[in-house]
Amino acid sequence: MYREFFQLKERPFSKTPDPLYLYPSRTHKEALARLLYAVEEREMILLTGDIGCGKTTLSRALIDELDGIAKVALLTNPRLSPLEFLYSLAVKFGVAEPAQDRLGLLEQIEQVLYRLFRSGCVPVLIVDEAHLIPHRDTFEEIRLLTNFQLDDGNLLSVIFIGQPELRQRLAHPVYEPLRQRIGLQFNIGPLNLEETRAYICHRLRCAGGTADIFLDPAVVELHRFSDGVPRRINQAASLALLEAFGRGEPQIGSGIIKEVVAELSGI
């Protein structure tokens, strides 16, 4: 609706986790570097961050980076029993006829891991929204998968992605065996004001627009409202573009942002 008015090719603040729009803040660059290192070393890594901070977009960027060198099994709905988890993993790794029992599934998964290793491909398990895993036994099955090893290391890289409560959950003593397997941890924080400004400019340019649509006072208001959380920035910025289009204003000032924030605060 507003794209032609602002000379945009795409919606710059879409809710979809498009890795092309990932803004490489210092925190996000470090997170991606650690994820890549974990895959390279076939380590287990725990990546956490608050809702809307860009964790899922980072995972999609990682998958793009791994194209051609890794076989990625991405689980986006981890509300699974241990057996359901193993079955889903077997399917994701391309097992044509997954077994119906635990031992059969483990044997099939092990065969796949060895086959991928021999072909020079790194098997990677990404568990998104890992804080939603309902059973401790499911975490235990994931830990046991790291027992598939060669003399010089693991066959499988495991990436847990979740909200900060995942760290609190895994701090319980019953998860000590799993924690000992986690070689890397990283928490994604919010954007500061300068990063928020750069984030908005980055997304506008990715969408084919110019960086001057949002005036500086508008950026300050956006940062105040969002606390530097990308999803909240996207939410308010998208509505601001729509409001400015309706008024026929080619630039967005603080007044429009305040109105949009008042609208969102009333939801």
Protein backbone atom coordinates (compact mmCIF):
# COMPACT_ATOMS: atom_id res chain seq x y z
CA MET A 1 0.00 0.00 0.00
CA TYR A 2 2.69 2.50 1.00
CA ARG A 3 5.60 1.00 -0.95
CA GLU A 4 5.16 3.09 -4.09
CA PHE A 5 4.73 6.26 -2.04
CA PHE A 6 8.07 5.72 -0.27
CA GLN A 7 9.71 4.16 -3.37
CA LEU A 8 10.20 0.82 -1.65
CA LYS A 9 10.48 -2.49 -3.45
CA GLU A 10 9.46 -4.51 -0.39
CA ARG A 11 8.05 -3.99 3.06
CA PRO A 12 11.11 -3.08 5.15
CA PHE A 13 9.70 -4.10 8.53
CA SER A 14 8.04 -7.40 7.74
CA LYS A 15 7.51 -9.90 10.56
CA THR A 16 9.08 -12.77 8.62
CA PRO A 17 12.65 -13.74 9.68
CA ASP A 18 14.34 -12.93 6.35
CA PRO A 19 18.14 -13.32 6.80
CA LEU A 20 18.73 -10.74 4.05
CA TYR A 21 17.39 -8.13 6.47
CA LEU A 22 19.56 -9.19 9.40
CA TYR A 23 21.29 -6.09 10.73
CA PRO A 24 24.86 -7.00 11.71
CA SER A 25 25.05 -5.31 15.10
CA ARG A 26 28.07 -6.12 17.22
CA THR A 27 26.04 -8.58 19.27
CA HIS A 28 24.46 -10.26 16.28
CA LYS A 29 27.79 -10.58 14.46
CA GLU A 30 29.36 -12.17 17.51
CA ALA A 31 26.41 -14.53 17.91
CA LEU A 32 26.64 -15.64 14.28
CA ALA A 33 30.40 -16.13 14.60
CA ARG A 34 29.90 -18.36 17.63
CA LEU A 35 27.22 -20.38 15.88
CA LEU A 36 29.50 -20.95 12.90
CA TYR A 37 32.34 -21.95 15.22
CA ALA A 38 30.07 -24.42 17.03
CA VAL A 39 29.18 -26.04 13.71
CA GLU A 40 32.79 -26.14 12.57
CA GLU A 41 33.88 -27.80 15.82
CA ARG A 42 30.70 -29.93 16.08
CA GLU A 43 30.00 -28.41 19.48
CA MET A 44 26.78 -27.91 21.41
CA ILE A 45 25.83 -24.24 21.84
CA LEU A 46 23.13 -22.42 23.80
CA LEU A 47 21.88 -19.16 22.22
CA THR A 48 19.38 -17.13 24.24
CA GLY A 49 17.70 -13.77 24.02
CA ASP A 50 14.47 -11.99 24.86
CA ILE A 51 11.37 -12.24 22.66
CA GLY A 52 11.84 -10.42 19.36
CA CYS A 53 15.60 -9.88 19.62
CA GLY A 54 16.37 -11.66 16.32
CA LYS A 55 17.21 -15.23 17.37
CA THR A 56 15.14 -16.88 14.63
CA THR A 57 16.49 -14.52 11.96
CA LEU A 58 20.00 -15.42 13.11
CA SER A 59 19.22 -19.11 12.74
CA ARG A 60 18.04 -18.53 9.17
CA ALA A 61 21.20 -16.54 8.42
CA LEU A 62 23.25 -19.42 9.81
CA ILE A 63 21.44 -21.90 7.56
CA ASP A 64 22.23 -19.70 4.56
CA GLU A 65 25.90 -19.59 5.60
CA LEU A 66 25.97 -23.39 5.87
CA ASP A 67 24.43 -24.01 2.47
CA GLY A 68 26.38 -26.77 0.72
CA ILE A 69 28.59 -27.69 3.68
CA ALA A 70 26.07 -28.92 6.25
CA LYS A 71 22.89 -30.93 6.54
CA VAL A 72 20.62 -28.96 8.86
CA ALA A 73 17.73 -30.43 10.79
CA LEU A 74 15.66 -27.46 11.98
CA LEU A 75 13.01 -28.12 14.63
CA THR A 76 10.75 -25.10 15.10
CA ASN A 77 8.10 -26.83 17.22
CA PRO A 78 9.94 -28.68 19.99
CA ARG A 79 6.84 -29.58 22.03
CA LEU A 80 7.65 -33.23 21.50
CA SER A 81 7.98 -36.36 23.57
CA PRO A 82 11.37 -38.10 23.40
CA LEU A 83 10.11 -40.60 20.83
CA GLU A 84 8.42 -37.88 18.76
CA PHE A 85 11.65 -35.90 18.82
CA LEU A 86 13.73 -38.82 17.54
CA TYR A 87 11.16 -39.55 14.84
CA SER A 88 11.13 -35.90 13.69
CA LEU A 89 14.93 -35.81 13.65
CA ALA A 90 15.09 -38.96 11.53
CA VAL A 91 12.64 -37.41 9.05
CA LYS A 92 14.59 -34.13 8.95
CA PHE A 93 17.79 -36.02 8.20
CA GLY A 94 16.12 -37.82 5.30
CA VAL A 95 15.34 -41.26 6.70
CA ALA A 96 12.79 -42.64 4.23
CA GLU A 97 11.06 -45.06 6.60
CA PRO A 98 11.66 -44.06 10.22
CA ALA A 99 11.37 -46.83 12.77
CA GLN A 100 8.56 -46.82 15.29
CA ASP A 101 10.71 -47.63 18.31
CA ARG A 102 13.48 -45.73 20.10
CA LEU A 103 16.33 -48.15 19.42
CA GLY A 104 15.44 -48.42 15.74
CA LEU A 105 15.33 -44.63 15.38
CA LEU A 106 18.67 -44.20 17.15
CA GLU A 107 20.28 -46.75 14.85
CA GLN A 108 18.90 -44.99 11.76
CA ILE A 109 20.07 -41.59 12.99
CA GLU A 110 23.54 -42.94 13.77
CA GLN A 111 23.80 -44.40 10.26
CA VAL A 112 22.83 -41.03 8.77
CA LEU A 113 25.40 -39.18 10.87
CA TYR A 114 28.21 -41.50 9.80
CA ARG A 115 27.13 -41.31 6.17
CA LEU A 116 27.12 -37.50 6.27
CA PHE A 117 30.55 -37.50 7.92
CA ARG A 118 32.02 -39.75 5.25
CA SER A 119 30.62 -37.43 2.56
CA GLY A 120 32.26 -34.38 4.18
CA CYS A 121 28.95 -32.86 5.26
CA VAL A 122 28.40 -31.60 8.82
CA PRO A 123 25.14 -32.70 10.46
CA VAL A 124 23.56 -29.86 12.45
CA LEU A 125 20.54 -29.96 14.75
CA ILE A 126 18.93 -26.57 15.43
CA VAL A 127 16.22 -26.56 18.10
CA ASP A 128 14.38 -23.24 17.92
CA GLU A 129 12.15 -22.20 20.84
CA ALA A 130 14.00 -24.78 22.90
CA HIS A 131 12.54 -23.37 26.12
CA LEU A 132 9.25 -25.00 25.04
CA ILE A 133 10.66 -28.55 25.19
CA PRO A 134 8.20 -30.15 27.63
CA HIS A 135 10.12 -33.18 28.86
CA ARG A 136 13.47 -33.47 30.60
CA ASP A 137 13.79 -36.84 28.89
CA THR A 138 13.77 -35.06 25.50
CA PHE A 139 16.78 -33.02 26.59
CA GLU A 140 18.38 -36.27 27.69
CA GLU A 141 17.84 -37.82 24.24
CA ILE A 142 19.54 -34.80 22.68
CA ARG A 143 22.46 -35.15 25.07
CA LEU A 144 22.81 -38.82 24.23
CA LEU A 145 23.01 -37.98 20.53
CA THR A 146 26.37 -36.36 21.25
CA ASN A 147 27.63 -39.83 22.20
CA PHE A 148 27.85 -40.53 18.47
CA GLN A 149 31.52 -39.67 18.18
CA LEU A 150 34.77 -40.31 16.38
CA ASP A 151 38.17 -40.30 18.04
CA ASP A 152 38.65 -36.61 17.29
CA GLY A 153 35.19 -35.26 18.14
CA ASN A 154 31.42 -35.37 17.83
CA LEU A 155 29.54 -36.30 14.69
CA LEU A 156 26.71 -33.85 15.39
CA SER A 157 26.55 -30.14 16.17
CA VAL A 158 23.60 -29.14 18.36
CA ILE A 159 22.24 -25.60 18.63
CA PHE A 160 19.68 -24.69 21.29
CA ILE A 161 17.89 -21.38 20.67
CA GLY A 162 15.48 -20.04 23.26
CA GLN A 163 14.38 -17.36 25.66
CA PRO A 164 16.41 -16.55 28.81
CA GLU A 165 14.30 -18.88 30.95
CA LEU A 166 16.00 -21.74 29.11
CA ARG A 167 19.24 -20.86 30.92
CA GLN A 168 17.39 -20.83 34.24
CA ARG A 169 15.84 -24.21 33.50
CA LEU A 170 19.14 -25.80 32.54
CA ALA A 171 20.74 -24.41 35.72
CA HIS A 172 18.82 -27.04 37.71
CA PRO A 173 21.07 -29.84 38.99
CA VAL A 174 19.18 -32.51 37.02
CA TYR A 175 20.52 -30.94 33.81
CA GLU A 176 24.17 -31.05 34.91
CA PRO A 177 25.09 -33.85 32.43
CA LEU A 178 23.66 -31.75 29.57
CA ARG A 179 25.32 -28.53 30.74
CA GLN A 180 28.69 -30.25 30.71
CA ARG A 181 28.18 -30.96 27.00
CA ILE A 182 27.40 -27.31 26.15
CA GLY A 183 30.69 -25.89 24.90
CA LEU A 184 29.47 -22.38 24.06
CA GLN A 185 26.83 -19.99 25.38
CA PHE A 186 25.75 -16.58 24.18
CA ASN A 187 22.95 -14.15 25.02
CA ILE A 188 21.67 -11.58 22.51
CA GLY A 189 20.95 -8.18 24.04
CA PRO A 190 18.86 -5.27 22.73
CA LEU A 191 20.09 -2.57 20.34
CA ASN A 192 21.30 0.74 21.71
CA LEU A 193 20.15 4.04 20.20
CA GLU A 194 22.87 4.21 17.55
CA GLU A 195 22.28 0.59 16.59
CA THR A 196 18.54 1.26 16.40
CA ARG A 197 19.22 4.11 13.98
CA ALA A 198 21.51 1.92 11.89
CA TYR A 199 19.02 -0.95 12.04
CA ILE A 200 16.22 1.19 10.61
CA CYS A 201 18.47 2.56 7.85
CA HIS A 202 19.69 -0.95 7.02
CA ARG A 203 16.20 -2.33 6.58
CA LEU A 204 15.05 0.64 4.52
CA ARG A 205 18.01 0.23 2.17
CA CYS A 206 17.44 -3.52 1.91
CA ALA A 207 13.89 -2.74 0.81
CA GLY A 208 15.16 -0.38 -1.89
CA GLY A 209 14.40 2.85 -0.06
CA THR A 210 16.44 5.71 1.39
CA ALA A 211 17.63 6.09 4.96
CA ASP A 212 16.06 9.54 5.53
CA ILE A 213 12.41 8.46 5.78
CA PHE A 214 12.60 8.37 9.59
CA LEU A 215 13.84 11.66 11.05
CA ASP A 216 16.17 11.50 14.04
CA PRO A 217 13.53 12.47 16.65
CA ALA A 218 11.39 9.62 15.30
CA VAL A 219 14.25 7.18 15.78
CA VAL A 220 14.66 8.35 19.38
CA GLU A 221 10.96 7.73 20.01
CA LEU A 222 11.15 4.32 18.35
CA HIS A 223 14.06 3.33 20.55
CA ARG A 224 12.29 4.58 23.67
CA PHE A 225 9.20 2.55 22.81
CA SER A 226 10.99 -0.62 21.72
CA ASP A 227 13.86 -0.68 24.25
CA GLY A 228 15.98 -1.70 21.27
CA VAL A 229 14.08 -4.94 20.57
CA PRO A 230 13.98 -5.43 16.78
CA ARG A 231 10.50 -6.95 16.63
CA ARG A 232 9.01 -3.99 18.51
CA ILE A 233 10.90 -1.59 16.26
CA ASN A 234 9.43 -3.37 13.23
CA GLN A 235 5.94 -3.25 14.69
CA ALA A 236 5.96 0.50 15.33
CA ALA A 237 7.94 1.45 12.21
CA SER A 238 5.57 -0.49 9.95
CA LEU A 239 2.53 1.31 11.38
CA ALA A 240 4.35 4.63 11.14
CA LEU A 241 4.91 4.13 7.41
CA LEU A 242 1.23 3.40 6.96
CA GLU A 243 0.22 6.46 8.97
CA ALA A 244 2.61 8.75 7.08
CA PHE A 245 1.31 7.40 3.77
CA GLY A 246 -2.25 8.17 4.83
CA ARG A 247 -1.23 11.76 5.61
CA GLY A 248 0.82 12.14 2.45
CA GLU A 249 3.98 12.92 4.47
CA PRO A 250 7.23 11.67 2.86
CA GLN A 251 9.14 11.75 6.15
CA ILE A 252 8.27 10.53 9.62
CA GLY A 253 8.79 12.69 12.67
CA SER A 254 8.36 12.07 16.37
CA GLY A 255 4.68 13.07 16.29
CA ILE A 256 3.69 10.14 14.11
CA ILE A 257 5.70 7.73 16.25
CA LYS A 258 4.03 8.99 19.42
CA GLU A 259 0.61 8.42 17.88
CA VAL A 260 1.56 4.94 16.73
CA VAL A 261 2.99 4.10 20.16
CA ALA A 262 -0.23 5.29 21.81
CA GLU A 263 -2.19 3.04 19.47
CA LEU A 264 0.02 0.03 20.18
CA SER A 265 -0.03 0.67 23.91
CA GLY A 266 -3.81 0.44 23.83
CA ILE A 267 -3.83 -3.04 22.27
